[in-house]
Amino acid sequence: MADTILIVDDCATTRRLLSVYLRQEGYELIHAVNGLEALEKLARQPVDLVITDLNMPRMDGVALTRMLKQDSAFKEIPIVMLTTEGEERERSHGLEAGAAAYLIKPVTQEQLAQEVRRMLESRRA
């Protein structure tokens, strides 16, 4: 059975691009446009990994990450923050909130696939 990844990004183009990349790697995908929708989807379907943008309306990636890491049902899910924000301050906020990785857009299919595999393998170890 394929691993399931939740992609959380308010940009439809980014969601589509990441979907193309990850489907080619054999993953099942779920999409959300912000942190609140992500929480709703997680309540209905378990996932193996979350990829979230930093800046989104209603609930940003840092708030989503904090909420997931504080909830015993979700705290073991690895979170990859994928954003255009490359400043060290933003990176620190994401990692301090609980993200396991922080990637800067644009990301290549190879970079993303490598990071996703690494996260999923470390979760199984």
PDB file of N, CA and C in Angstrom:
ATOM      1  N   MET A   1       0.843  -1.188   0.000  1.00  0.00           N
ATOM      2  CA  MET A   1       0.000   0.000   0.000  1.00  0.00           C
ATOM      3  C   MET A   1       0.885   1.246   0.000  1.00  0.00           C
ATOM      4  N   ALA A   2       0.539   2.205  -0.809  1.00  0.00           N
ATOM      5  CA  ALA A   2       1.341   3.420  -0.950  1.00  0.00           C
ATOM      6  C   ALA A   2       1.176   4.333   0.264  1.00  0.00           C
ATOM      7  N   ASP A   3       2.255   5.043   0.589  1.00  0.00           N
ATOM      8  CA  ASP A   3       2.182   6.051   1.639  1.00  0.00           C
ATOM      9  C   ASP A   3       1.287   7.200   1.174  1.00  0.00           C
ATOM     10  N   THR A   4       0.601   7.817   2.135  1.00  0.00           N
ATOM     11  CA  THR A   4      -0.281   8.937   1.837  1.00  0.00           C
ATOM     12  C   THR A   4       0.344  10.226   2.352  1.00  0.00           C
ATOM     13  N   ILE A   5       0.351  11.240   1.497  1.00  0.00           N
ATOM     14  CA  ILE A   5       0.930  12.538   1.827  1.00  0.00           C
ATOM     15  C   ILE A   5      -0.151  13.601   1.724  1.00  0.00           C
ATOM     16  N   LEU A   6      -0.213  14.463   2.723  1.00  0.00           N
ATOM     17  CA  LEU A   6      -1.113  15.613   2.716  1.00  0.00           C
ATOM     18  C   LEU A   6      -0.317  16.832   2.259  1.00  0.00           C
ATOM     19  N   ILE A   7      -0.749  17.450   1.171  1.00  0.00           N
ATOM     20  CA  ILE A   7      -0.128  18.672   0.656  1.00  0.00           C
ATOM     21  C   ILE A   7      -1.012  19.837   1.074  1.00  0.00           C
ATOM     22  N   VAL A   8      -0.436  20.792   1.821  1.00  0.00           N
ATOM     23  CA  VAL A   8      -1.186  21.943   2.321  1.00  0.00           C
ATOM     24  C   VAL A   8      -0.561  23.204   1.737  1.00  0.00           C
ATOM     25  N   ASP A   9      -1.261  23.832   0.797  1.00  0.00           N
ATOM     26  CA  ASP A   9      -0.749  25.043   0.156  1.00  0.00           C
ATOM     27  C   ASP A   9      -1.926  25.794  -0.448  1.00  0.00           C
ATOM     28  N   ASP A  10      -1.951  27.104  -0.274  1.00  0.00           N
ATOM     29  CA  ASP A  10      -3.054  27.887  -0.816  1.00  0.00           C
ATOM     30  C   ASP A  10      -2.914  28.158  -2.311  1.00  0.00           C
ATOM     31  N   CYS A  11      -1.784  27.831  -2.898  1.00  0.00           N
ATOM     32  CA  CYS A  11      -1.547  28.043  -4.324  1.00  0.00           C
ATOM     33  C   CYS A  11      -1.880  26.766  -5.103  1.00  0.00           C
ATOM     34  N   ALA A  12      -2.891  26.839  -5.962  1.00  0.00           N
ATOM     35  CA  ALA A  12      -3.313  25.670  -6.741  1.00  0.00           C
ATOM     36  C   ALA A  12      -2.190  25.172  -7.647  1.00  0.00           C
ATOM     37  N   THR A  13      -1.414  26.072  -8.202  1.00  0.00           N
ATOM     38  CA  THR A  13      -0.314  25.676  -9.084  1.00  0.00           C
ATOM     39  C   THR A  13       0.710  24.854  -8.327  1.00  0.00           C
ATOM     40  N   THR A  14       1.047  25.268  -7.117  1.00  0.00           N
ATOM     41  CA  THR A  14       2.004  24.515  -6.304  1.00  0.00           C
ATOM     42  C   THR A  14       1.450  23.150  -5.952  1.00  0.00           C
ATOM     43  N   ARG A  15       0.181  23.085  -5.571  1.00  0.00           N
ATOM     44  CA  ARG A  15      -0.424  21.788  -5.248  1.00  0.00           C
ATOM     45  C   ARG A  15      -0.375  20.849  -6.452  1.00  0.00           C
ATOM     46  N   ARG A  16      -0.678  21.380  -7.633  1.00  0.00           N
ATOM     47  CA  ARG A  16      -0.635  20.543  -8.845  1.00  0.00           C
ATOM     48  C   ARG A  16       0.773  20.066  -9.148  1.00  0.00           C
ATOM     49  N   LEU A  17       1.758  20.957  -9.046  1.00  0.00           N
ATOM     50  CA  LEU A  17       3.137  20.590  -9.342  1.00  0.00           C
ATOM     51  C   LEU A  17       3.638  19.521  -8.372  1.00  0.00           C
ATOM     52  N   LEU A  18       3.403  19.726  -7.100  1.00  0.00           N
ATOM     53  CA  LEU A  18       3.819  18.739  -6.101  1.00  0.00           C
ATOM     54  C   LEU A  18       3.103  17.410  -6.325  1.00  0.00           C
ATOM     55  N   SER A  19       1.853  17.474  -6.736  1.00  0.00           N
ATOM     56  CA  SER A  19       1.097  16.252  -7.024  1.00  0.00           C
ATOM     57  C   SER A  19       1.724  15.475  -8.165  1.00  0.00           C
ATOM     58  N   VAL A  20       2.114  16.173  -9.213  1.00  0.00           N
ATOM     59  CA  VAL A  20       2.768  15.509 -10.346  1.00  0.00           C
ATOM     60  C   VAL A  20       4.044  14.833  -9.874  1.00  0.00           C
ATOM     61  N   TYR A  21       4.862  15.581  -9.131  1.00  0.00           N
ATOM     62  CA  TYR A  21       6.127  15.034  -8.627  1.00  0.00           C
ATOM     63  C   TYR A  21       5.896  13.776  -7.780  1.00  0.00           C
ATOM     64  N   LEU A  22       4.971  13.875  -6.845  1.00  0.00           N
ATOM     65  CA  LEU A  22       4.806  12.801  -5.866  1.00  0.00           C
ATOM     66  C   LEU A  22       4.031  11.605  -6.404  1.00  0.00           C
ATOM     67  N   ARG A  23       3.096  11.831  -7.307  1.00  0.00           N
ATOM     68  CA  ARG A  23       2.393  10.698  -7.938  1.00  0.00           C
ATOM     69  C   ARG A  23       3.368   9.855  -8.742  1.00  0.00           C
ATOM     70  N   GLN A  24       4.318  10.526  -9.398  1.00  0.00           N
ATOM     71  CA  GLN A  24       5.321   9.789 -10.167  1.00  0.00           C
ATOM     72  C   GLN A  24       6.192   8.919  -9.262  1.00  0.00           C
ATOM     73  N   GLU A  25       6.261   9.281  -7.993  1.00  0.00           N
ATOM     74  CA  GLU A  25       7.029   8.496  -7.018  1.00  0.00           C
ATOM     75  C   GLU A  25       6.165   7.412  -6.368  1.00  0.00           C
ATOM     76  N   GLY A  26       4.872   7.381  -6.710  1.00  0.00           N
ATOM     77  CA  GLY A  26       3.993   6.325  -6.221  1.00  0.00           C
ATOM     78  C   GLY A  26       3.205   6.637  -4.964  1.00  0.00           C
ATOM     79  N   TYR A  27       3.154   7.892  -4.554  1.00  0.00           N
ATOM     80  CA  TYR A  27       2.442   8.256  -3.327  1.00  0.00           C
ATOM     81  C   TYR A  27       0.970   8.568  -3.596  1.00  0.00           C
ATOM     82  N   GLU A  28       0.131   8.298  -2.594  1.00  0.00           N
ATOM     83  CA  GLU A  28      -1.264   8.732  -2.599  1.00  0.00           C
ATOM     84  C   GLU A  28      -1.283  10.143  -2.022  1.00  0.00           C
ATOM     85  N   LEU A  29      -2.183  10.992  -2.519  1.00  0.00           N
ATOM     86  CA  LEU A  29      -2.175  12.396  -2.105  1.00  0.00           C
ATOM     87  C   LEU A  29      -3.539  12.880  -1.648  1.00  0.00           C
ATOM     88  N   ILE A  30      -3.486  13.789  -0.691  1.00  0.00           N
ATOM     89  CA  ILE A  30      -4.648  14.529  -0.219  1.00  0.00           C
ATOM     90  C   ILE A  30      -4.230  15.998  -0.266  1.00  0.00           C
ATOM     91  N   HIS A  31      -5.176  16.893  -0.556  1.00  0.00           N
ATOM     92  CA  HIS A  31      -4.852  18.318  -0.654  1.00  0.00           C
ATOM     93  C   HIS A  31      -5.685  19.139   0.315  1.00  0.00           C
ATOM     94  N   ALA A  32      -5.086  20.226   0.795  1.00  0.00           N
ATOM     95  CA  ALA A  32      -5.789  21.214   1.607  1.00  0.00           C
ATOM     96  C   ALA A  32      -5.237  22.591   1.246  1.00  0.00           C
ATOM     97  N   VAL A  33      -6.087  23.616   1.348  1.00  0.00           N
ATOM     98  CA  VAL A  33      -5.661  24.964   0.961  1.00  0.00           C
ATOM     99  C   VAL A  33      -5.162  25.803   2.135  1.00  0.00           C
ATOM    100  N   ASN A  34      -5.336  25.297   3.364  1.00  0.00           N
ATOM    101  CA  ASN A  34      -4.826  26.002   4.544  1.00  0.00           C
ATOM    102  C   ASN A  34      -4.804  25.032   5.723  1.00  0.00           C
ATOM    103  N   GLY A  35      -4.287  25.510   6.835  1.00  0.00           N
ATOM    104  CA  GLY A  35      -4.153  24.652   7.998  1.00  0.00           C
ATOM    105  C   GLY A  35      -5.465  24.139   8.557  1.00  0.00           C
ATOM    106  N   LEU A  36      -6.497  24.962   8.532  1.00  0.00           N
ATOM    107  CA  LEU A  36      -7.793  24.517   9.053  1.00  0.00           C
ATOM    108  C   LEU A  36      -8.360  23.382   8.219  1.00  0.00           C
ATOM    109  N   GLU A  37      -8.284  23.522   6.901  1.00  0.00           N
ATOM    110  CA  GLU A  37      -8.771  22.442   6.046  1.00  0.00           C
ATOM    111  C   GLU A  37      -7.918  21.189   6.238  1.00  0.00           C
ATOM    112  N   ALA A  38      -6.625  21.372   6.452  1.00  0.00           N
ATOM    113  CA  ALA A  38      -5.740  20.230   6.692  1.00  0.00           C
ATOM    114  C   ALA A  38      -6.171  19.473   7.941  1.00  0.00           C
ATOM    115  N   LEU A  39      -6.488  20.189   9.003  1.00  0.00           N
ATOM    116  CA  LEU A  39      -6.940  19.534  10.240  1.00  0.00           C
ATOM    117  C   LEU A  39      -8.233  18.757  10.014  1.00  0.00           C
ATOM    118  N   GLU A  40      -9.146  19.331   9.235  1.00  0.00           N
ATOM    119  CA  GLU A  40     -10.395  18.647   8.926  1.00  0.00           C
ATOM    120  C   GLU A  40     -10.125  17.352   8.166  1.00  0.00           C
ATOM    121  N   LYS A  41      -9.229  17.404   7.196  1.00  0.00           N
ATOM    122  CA  LYS A  41      -8.927  16.216   6.394  1.00  0.00           C
ATOM    123  C   LYS A  41      -8.194  15.167   7.220  1.00  0.00           C
ATOM    124  N   LEU A  42      -7.304  15.602   8.095  1.00  0.00           N
ATOM    125  CA  LEU A  42      -6.580  14.662   8.954  1.00  0.00           C
ATOM    126  C   LEU A  42      -7.511  13.946   9.920  1.00  0.00           C
ATOM    127  N   ALA A  43      -8.581  14.604  10.326  1.00  0.00           N
ATOM    128  CA  ALA A  43      -9.546  13.976  11.233  1.00  0.00           C
ATOM    129  C   ALA A  43     -10.283  12.832  10.548  1.00  0.00           C
ATOM    130  N   ARG A  44     -10.344  12.876   9.208  1.00  0.00           N
ATOM    131  CA  ARG A  44     -11.075  11.849   8.456  1.00  0.00           C
ATOM    132  C   ARG A  44     -10.182  10.783   7.840  1.00  0.00           C
ATOM    133  N   GLN A  45      -8.920  11.121   7.583  1.00  0.00           N
ATOM    134  CA  GLN A  45      -8.048  10.164   6.902  1.00  0.00           C
ATOM    135  C   GLN A  45      -6.624  10.267   7.426  1.00  0.00           C
ATOM    136  N   PRO A  46      -6.048   9.155   7.849  1.00  0.00           N
ATOM    137  CA  PRO A  46      -4.665   9.188   8.323  1.00  0.00           C
ATOM    138  C   PRO A  46      -3.695   9.412   7.160  1.00  0.00           C
ATOM    139  N   VAL A  47      -2.595  10.065   7.466  1.00  0.00           N
ATOM    140  CA  VAL A  47      -1.548  10.289   6.464  1.00  0.00           C
ATOM    141  C   VAL A  47      -0.202   9.888   7.063  1.00  0.00           C
ATOM    142  N   ASP A  48       0.770   9.696   6.180  1.00  0.00           N
ATOM    143  CA  ASP A  48       2.105   9.309   6.603  1.00  0.00           C
ATOM    144  C   ASP A  48       3.067  10.486   6.680  1.00  0.00           C
ATOM    145  N   LEU A  49       2.727  11.593   6.000  1.00  0.00           N
ATOM    146  CA  LEU A  49       3.608  12.757   5.960  1.00  0.00           C
ATOM    147  C   LEU A  49       2.791  13.967   5.545  1.00  0.00           C
ATOM    148  N   VAL A  50       3.179  15.134   6.040  1.00  0.00           N
ATOM    149  CA  VAL A  50       2.534  16.399   5.666  1.00  0.00           C
ATOM    150  C   VAL A  50       3.583  17.300   5.030  1.00  0.00           C
ATOM    151  N   ILE A  51       3.228  17.900   3.903  1.00  0.00           N
ATOM    152  CA  ILE A  51       4.037  18.952   3.286  1.00  0.00           C
ATOM    153  C   ILE A  51       3.192  20.213   3.355  1.00  0.00           C
ATOM    154  N   THR A  52       3.704  21.239   4.026  1.00  0.00           N
ATOM    155  CA  THR A  52       2.918  22.453   4.194  1.00  0.00           C
ATOM    156  C   THR A  52       3.697  23.700   3.795  1.00  0.00           C
ATOM    157  N   ASP A  53       2.965  24.640   3.235  1.00  0.00           N
ATOM    158  CA  ASP A  53       3.492  25.969   2.966  1.00  0.00           C
ATOM    159  C   ASP A  53       3.570  26.713   4.301  1.00  0.00           C
ATOM    160  N   LEU A  54       4.321  27.787   4.320  1.00  0.00           N
ATOM    161  CA  LEU A  54       4.411  28.601   5.532  1.00  0.00           C
ATOM    162  C   LEU A  54       3.271  29.618   5.579  1.00  0.00           C
ATOM    163  N   ASN A  55       3.167  30.445   4.542  1.00  0.00           N
ATOM    164  CA  ASN A  55       2.185  31.530   4.511  1.00  0.00           C
ATOM    165  C   ASN A  55       0.911  31.105   3.805  1.00  0.00           C
ATOM    166  N   MET A  56      -0.174  31.020   4.598  1.00  0.00           N
ATOM    167  CA  MET A  56      -1.489  30.669   4.059  1.00  0.00           C
ATOM    168  C   MET A  56      -2.543  31.415   4.860  1.00  0.00           C
ATOM    169  N   PRO A  57      -3.714  31.655   4.258  1.00  0.00           N
ATOM    170  CA  PRO A  57      -4.800  32.299   5.010  1.00  0.00           C
ATOM    171  C   PRO A  57      -5.412  31.339   6.027  1.00  0.00           C
ATOM    172  N   ARG A  58      -6.109  31.886   6.967  1.00  0.00           N
ATOM    173  CA  ARG A  58      -6.871  31.168   7.994  1.00  0.00           C
ATOM    174  C   ARG A  58      -6.004  30.442   9.017  1.00  0.00           C
ATOM    175  N   MET A  59      -5.021  29.668   8.596  1.00  0.00           N
ATOM    176  CA  MET A  59      -4.059  29.047   9.509  1.00  0.00           C
ATOM    177  C   MET A  59      -2.799  28.759   8.715  1.00  0.00           C
ATOM    178  N   ASP A  60      -1.694  29.370   9.155  1.00  0.00           N
ATOM    179  CA  ASP A  60      -0.439  29.190   8.418  1.00  0.00           C
ATOM    180  C   ASP A  60       0.253  27.879   8.791  1.00  0.00           C
ATOM    181  N   GLY A  61       1.367  27.613   8.116  1.00  0.00           N
ATOM    182  CA  GLY A  61       2.078  26.359   8.306  1.00  0.00           C
ATOM    183  C   GLY A  61       2.688  26.196   9.685  1.00  0.00           C
ATOM    184  N   VAL A  62       3.133  27.283  10.283  1.00  0.00           N
ATOM    185  CA  VAL A  62       3.711  27.203  11.632  1.00  0.00           C
ATOM    186  C   VAL A  62       2.625  26.834  12.640  1.00  0.00           C
ATOM    187  N   ALA A  63       1.469  27.488  12.555  1.00  0.00           N
ATOM    188  CA  ALA A  63       0.369  27.170  13.472  1.00  0.00           C
ATOM    189  C   ALA A  63      -0.104  25.730  13.275  1.00  0.00           C
ATOM    190  N   LEU A  64      -0.212  25.296  12.027  1.00  0.00           N
ATOM    191  CA  LEU A  64      -0.599  23.922  11.745  1.00  0.00           C
ATOM    192  C   LEU A  64       0.406  22.943  12.344  1.00  0.00           C
ATOM    193  N   THR A  65       1.681  23.201  12.118  1.00  0.00           N
ATOM    194  CA  THR A  65       2.730  22.323  12.635  1.00  0.00           C
ATOM    195  C   THR A  65       2.664  22.234  14.153  1.00  0.00           C
ATOM    196  N   ARG A  66       2.528  23.367  14.819  1.00  0.00           N
ATOM    197  CA  ARG A  66       2.420  23.371  16.289  1.00  0.00           C
ATOM    198  C   ARG A  66       1.235  22.539  16.765  1.00  0.00           C
ATOM    199  N   MET A  67       0.093  22.727  16.110  1.00  0.00           N
ATOM    200  CA  MET A  67      -1.101  21.986  16.529  1.00  0.00           C
ATOM    201  C   MET A  67      -0.911  20.482  16.347  1.00  0.00           C
ATOM    202  N   LEU A  68      -0.320  20.090  15.231  1.00  0.00           N
ATOM    203  CA  LEU A  68      -0.110  18.663  14.990  1.00  0.00           C
ATOM    204  C   LEU A  68       0.871  18.064  15.985  1.00  0.00           C
ATOM    205  N   LYS A  69       1.918  18.783  16.303  1.00  0.00           N
ATOM    206  CA  LYS A  69       2.930  18.263  17.227  1.00  0.00           C
ATOM    207  C   LYS A  69       2.437  18.221  18.664  1.00  0.00           C
ATOM    208  N   GLN A  70       1.404  18.992  18.986  1.00  0.00           N
ATOM    209  CA  GLN A  70       0.845  18.983  20.336  1.00  0.00           C
ATOM    210  C   GLN A  70      -0.265  17.945  20.509  1.00  0.00           C
ATOM    211  N   ASP A  71      -0.708  17.337  19.417  1.00  0.00           N
ATOM    212  CA  ASP A  71      -1.804  16.374  19.450  1.00  0.00           C
ATOM    213  C   ASP A  71      -1.231  14.956  19.384  1.00  0.00           C
ATOM    214  N   SER A  72      -1.529  14.150  20.363  1.00  0.00           N
ATOM    215  CA  SER A  72      -0.954  12.802  20.421  1.00  0.00           C
ATOM    216  C   SER A  72      -1.314  11.951  19.198  1.00  0.00           C
ATOM    217  N   ALA A  73      -2.427  12.242  18.562  1.00  0.00           N
ATOM    218  CA  ALA A  73      -2.836  11.481  17.389  1.00  0.00           C
ATOM    219  C   ALA A  73      -1.979  11.794  16.156  1.00  0.00           C
ATOM    220  N   PHE A  74      -1.342  12.969  16.138  1.00  0.00           N
ATOM    221  CA  PHE A  74      -0.621  13.418  14.946  1.00  0.00           C
ATOM    222  C   PHE A  74       0.850  13.717  15.162  1.00  0.00           C
ATOM    223  N   LYS A  75       1.307  13.710  16.403  1.00  0.00           N
ATOM    224  CA  LYS A  75       2.655  14.208  16.684  1.00  0.00           C
ATOM    225  C   LYS A  75       3.776  13.415  16.027  1.00  0.00           C
ATOM    226  N   GLU A  76       3.530  12.167  15.658  1.00  0.00           N
ATOM    227  CA  GLU A  76       4.571  11.352  15.027  1.00  0.00           C
ATOM    228  C   GLU A  76       4.644  11.532  13.507  1.00  0.00           C
ATOM    229  N   ILE A  77       3.706  12.261  12.933  1.00  0.00           N
ATOM    230  CA  ILE A  77       3.704  12.478  11.485  1.00  0.00           C
ATOM    231  C   ILE A  77       4.807  13.477  11.135  1.00  0.00           C
ATOM    232  N   PRO A  78       5.741  13.107  10.248  1.00  0.00           N
ATOM    233  CA  PRO A  78       6.770  14.063   9.838  1.00  0.00           C
ATOM    234  C   PRO A  78       6.158  15.188   9.008  1.00  0.00           C
ATOM    235  N   ILE A  79       6.671  16.384   9.221  1.00  0.00           N
ATOM    236  CA  ILE A  79       6.180  17.564   8.518  1.00  0.00           C
ATOM    237  C   ILE A  79       7.331  18.215   7.774  1.00  0.00           C
ATOM    238  N   VAL A  80       7.114  18.442   6.474  1.00  0.00           N
ATOM    239  CA  VAL A  80       8.075  19.162   5.646  1.00  0.00           C
ATOM    240  C   VAL A  80       7.475  20.525   5.346  1.00  0.00           C
ATOM    241  N   MET A  81       8.169  21.576   5.734  1.00  0.00           N
ATOM    242  CA  MET A  81       7.727  22.919   5.402  1.00  0.00           C
ATOM    243  C   MET A  81       8.379  23.294   4.077  1.00  0.00           C
ATOM    244  N   LEU A  82       7.558  23.675   3.106  1.00  0.00           N
ATOM    245  CA  LEU A  82       8.019  24.026   1.769  1.00  0.00           C
ATOM    246  C   LEU A  82       7.502  25.421   1.467  1.00  0.00           C
ATOM    247  N   THR A  83       8.417  26.390   1.355  1.00  0.00           N
ATOM    248  CA  THR A  83       8.014  27.785   1.282  1.00  0.00           C
ATOM    249  C   THR A  83       8.989  28.618   0.464  1.00  0.00           C
ATOM    250  N   THR A  84       8.555  29.807   0.102  1.00  0.00           N
ATOM    251  CA  THR A  84       9.447  30.760  -0.571  1.00  0.00           C
ATOM    252  C   THR A  84      10.258  31.555   0.441  1.00  0.00           C
ATOM    253  N   GLU A  85       9.929  31.437   1.716  1.00  0.00           N
ATOM    254  CA  GLU A  85      10.603  32.201   2.770  1.00  0.00           C
ATOM    255  C   GLU A  85      11.956  31.575   3.092  1.00  0.00           C
ATOM    256  N   GLY A  86      13.025  32.209   2.622  1.00  0.00           N
ATOM    257  CA  GLY A  86      14.353  31.644   2.801  1.00  0.00           C
ATOM    258  C   GLY A  86      15.160  32.256   3.932  1.00  0.00           C
ATOM    259  N   GLU A  87      14.597  33.224   4.645  1.00  0.00           N
ATOM    260  CA  GLU A  87      15.336  33.865   5.726  1.00  0.00           C
ATOM    261  C   GLU A  87      15.485  32.910   6.916  1.00  0.00           C
ATOM    262  N   GLU A  88      16.605  33.030   7.596  1.00  0.00           N
ATOM    263  CA  GLU A  88      16.904  32.142   8.726  1.00  0.00           C
ATOM    264  C   GLU A  88      15.854  32.251   9.826  1.00  0.00           C
ATOM    265  N   ARG A  89      15.313  33.442  10.038  1.00  0.00           N
ATOM    266  CA  ARG A  89      14.295  33.645  11.072  1.00  0.00           C
ATOM    267  C   ARG A  89      13.060  32.788  10.782  1.00  0.00           C
ATOM    268  N   GLU A  90      12.611  32.787   9.533  1.00  0.00           N
ATOM    269  CA  GLU A  90      11.442  31.993   9.143  1.00  0.00           C
ATOM    270  C   GLU A  90      11.746  30.498   9.258  1.00  0.00           C
ATOM    271  N   ARG A  91      12.939  30.117   8.812  1.00  0.00           N
ATOM    272  CA  ARG A  91      13.350  28.716   8.894  1.00  0.00           C
ATOM    273  C   ARG A  91      13.345  28.254  10.352  1.00  0.00           C
ATOM    274  N   SER A  92      13.901  29.073  11.227  1.00  0.00           N
ATOM    275  CA  SER A  92      13.933  28.739  12.658  1.00  0.00           C
ATOM    276  C   SER A  92      12.532  28.571  13.225  1.00  0.00           C
ATOM    277  N   HIS A  93      11.607  29.471  12.841  1.00  0.00           N
ATOM    278  CA  HIS A  93      10.230  29.357  13.323  1.00  0.00           C
ATOM    279  C   HIS A  93       9.610  28.033  12.908  1.00  0.00           C
ATOM    280  N   GLY A  94       9.829  27.644  11.651  1.00  0.00           N
ATOM    281  CA  GLY A  94       9.264  26.382  11.162  1.00  0.00           C
ATOM    282  C   GLY A  94       9.825  25.174  11.882  1.00  0.00           C
ATOM    283  N   LEU A  95      11.136  25.159  12.048  1.00  0.00           N
ATOM    284  CA  LEU A  95      11.776  24.018  12.710  1.00  0.00           C
ATOM    285  C   LEU A  95      11.444  23.982  14.197  1.00  0.00           C
ATOM    286  N   GLU A  96      11.399  25.144  14.841  1.00  0.00           N
ATOM    287  CA  GLU A  96      11.040  25.196  16.260  1.00  0.00           C
ATOM    288  C   GLU A  96       9.604  24.737  16.494  1.00  0.00           C
ATOM    289  N   ALA A  97       8.730  24.980  15.524  1.00  0.00           N
ATOM    290  CA  ALA A  97       7.334  24.545  15.647  1.00  0.00           C
ATOM    291  C   ALA A  97       7.217  23.031  15.561  1.00  0.00           C
ATOM    292  N   GLY A  98       8.222  22.382  14.951  1.00  0.00           N
ATOM    293  CA  GLY A  98       8.198  20.925  14.874  1.00  0.00           C
ATOM    294  C   GLY A  98       8.384  20.344  13.487  1.00  0.00           C
ATOM    295  N   ALA A  99       8.592  21.191  12.480  1.00  0.00           N
ATOM    296  CA  ALA A  99       8.841  20.657  11.137  1.00  0.00           C
ATOM    297  C   ALA A  99      10.143  19.860  11.147  1.00  0.00           C
ATOM    298  N   ALA A 100      10.147  18.735  10.460  1.00  0.00           N
ATOM    299  CA  ALA A 100      11.338  17.893  10.387  1.00  0.00           C
ATOM    300  C   ALA A 100      12.292  18.364   9.303  1.00  0.00           C
ATOM    301  N   ALA A 101      11.765  19.114   8.331  1.00  0.00           N
ATOM    302  CA  ALA A 101      12.588  19.633   7.244  1.00  0.00           C
ATOM    303  C   ALA A 101      11.991  20.948   6.768  1.00  0.00           C
ATOM    304  N   TYR A 102      12.853  21.789   6.202  1.00  0.00           N
ATOM    305  CA  TYR A 102      12.441  23.105   5.704  1.00  0.00           C
ATOM    306  C   TYR A 102      13.071  23.274   4.332  1.00  0.00           C
ATOM    307  N   LEU A 103      12.245  23.261   3.296  1.00  0.00           N
ATOM    308  CA  LEU A 103      12.725  23.384   1.931  1.00  0.00           C
ATOM    309  C   LEU A 103      12.252  24.700   1.323  1.00  0.00           C
ATOM    310  N   ILE A 104      13.087  25.255   0.447  1.00  0.00           N
ATOM    311  CA  ILE A 104      12.782  26.523  -0.197  1.00  0.00           C
ATOM    312  C   ILE A 104      12.274  26.268  -1.616  1.00  0.00           C
ATOM    313  N   LYS A 105      11.154  26.915  -1.965  1.00  0.00           N
ATOM    314  CA  LYS A 105      10.621  26.858  -3.326  1.00  0.00           C
ATOM    315  C   LYS A 105      11.488  27.737  -4.227  1.00  0.00           C
ATOM    316  N   PRO A 106      11.663  27.386  -5.474  1.00  0.00           N
ATOM    317  CA  PRO A 106      11.176  26.175  -6.122  1.00  0.00           C
ATOM    318  C   PRO A 106      12.037  24.978  -5.740  1.00  0.00           C
ATOM    319  N   VAL A 107      11.408  23.834  -5.680  1.00  0.00           N
ATOM    320  CA  VAL A 107      12.093  22.588  -5.342  1.00  0.00           C
ATOM    321  C   VAL A 107      11.985  21.655  -6.545  1.00  0.00           C
ATOM    322  N   THR A 108      13.030  20.906  -6.792  1.00  0.00           N
ATOM    323  CA  THR A 108      12.993  19.953  -7.901  1.00  0.00           C
ATOM    324  C   THR A 108      12.306  18.670  -7.456  1.00  0.00           C
ATOM    325  N   GLN A 109      11.871  17.887  -8.419  1.00  0.00           N
ATOM    326  CA  GLN A 109      11.259  16.607  -8.105  1.00  0.00           C
ATOM    327  C   GLN A 109      12.247  15.733  -7.342  1.00  0.00           C
ATOM    328  N   GLU A 110      13.495  15.743  -7.757  1.00  0.00           N
ATOM    329  CA  GLU A 110      14.516  14.927  -7.096  1.00  0.00           C
ATOM    330  C   GLU A 110      14.718  15.350  -5.642  1.00  0.00           C
ATOM    331  N   GLN A 111      14.804  16.663  -5.392  1.00  0.00           N
ATOM    332  CA  GLN A 111      14.975  17.158  -4.020  1.00  0.00           C
ATOM    333  C   GLN A 111      13.797  16.747  -3.147  1.00  0.00           C
ATOM    334  N   LEU A 112      12.602  16.951  -3.670  1.00  0.00           N
ATOM    335  CA  LEU A 112      11.405  16.642  -2.896  1.00  0.00           C
ATOM    336  C   LEU A 112      11.295  15.147  -2.626  1.00  0.00           C
ATOM    337  N   ALA A 113      11.494  14.344  -3.659  1.00  0.00           N
ATOM    338  CA  ALA A 113      11.393  12.885  -3.497  1.00  0.00           C
ATOM    339  C   ALA A 113      12.414  12.371  -2.485  1.00  0.00           C
ATOM    340  N   GLN A 114      13.619  12.910  -2.552  1.00  0.00           N
ATOM    341  CA  GLN A 114      14.678  12.490  -1.625  1.00  0.00           C
ATOM    342  C   GLN A 114      14.298  12.827  -0.184  1.00  0.00           C
ATOM    343  N   GLU A 115      13.794  14.025   0.032  1.00  0.00           N
ATOM    344  CA  GLU A 115      13.418  14.440   1.391  1.00  0.00           C
ATOM    345  C   GLU A 115      12.237  13.626   1.899  1.00  0.00           C
ATOM    346  N   VAL A 116      11.259  13.393   1.064  1.00  0.00           N
ATOM    347  CA  VAL A 116      10.091  12.608   1.461  1.00  0.00           C
ATOM    348  C   VAL A 116      10.514  11.179   1.819  1.00  0.00           C
ATOM    349  N   ARG A 117      11.335  10.570   0.983  1.00  0.00           N
ATOM    350  CA  ARG A 117      11.815   9.207   1.286  1.00  0.00           C
ATOM    351  C   ARG A 117      12.565   9.178   2.616  1.00  0.00           C
ATOM    352  N   ARG A 118      13.432  10.166   2.825  1.00  0.00           N
ATOM    353  CA  ARG A 118      14.210  10.235   4.064  1.00  0.00           C
ATOM    354  C   ARG A 118      13.286  10.337   5.283  1.00  0.00           C
ATOM    355  N   MET A 119      12.268  11.190   5.188  1.00  0.00           N
ATOM    356  CA  MET A 119      11.330  11.374   6.305  1.00  0.00           C
ATOM    357  C   MET A 119      10.558  10.093   6.584  1.00  0.00           C
ATOM    358  N   LEU A 120      10.077   9.467   5.535  1.00  0.00           N
ATOM    359  CA  LEU A 120       9.272   8.251   5.723  1.00  0.00           C
ATOM    360  C   LEU A 120      10.122   7.107   6.242  1.00  0.00           C
ATOM    361  N   GLU A 121      11.347   6.983   5.767  1.00  0.00           N
ATOM    362  CA  GLU A 121      12.248   5.923   6.262  1.00  0.00           C
ATOM    363  C   GLU A 121      12.611   6.145   7.711  1.00  0.00           C
ATOM    364  N   SER A 122      12.859   7.391   8.099  1.00  0.00           N
ATOM    365  CA  SER A 122      13.225   7.662   9.490  1.00  0.00           C
ATOM    366  C   SER A 122      12.036   7.401  10.417  1.00  0.00           C
ATOM    367  N   ARG A 123      10.845   7.597   9.921  1.00  0.00           N
ATOM    368  CA  ARG A 123       9.650   7.333  10.738  1.00  0.00           C
ATOM    369  C   ARG A 123       9.501   5.837  11.000  1.00  0.00           C
ATOM    370  N   ARG A 124       9.883   5.035  10.029  1.00  0.00           N
ATOM    371  CA  ARG A 124       9.755   3.578  10.158  1.00  0.00           C
ATOM    372  C   ARG A 124      10.885   2.968  10.996  1.00  0.00           C
ATOM    373  N   ALA A 125      11.992   3.665  11.093  1.00  0.00           N
ATOM    374  CA  ALA A 125      13.180   3.119  11.789  1.00  0.00           C
ATOM    375  C   ALA A 125      12.963   3.005  13.285  1.00  0.00           C
TER     376      ALA A 125
END
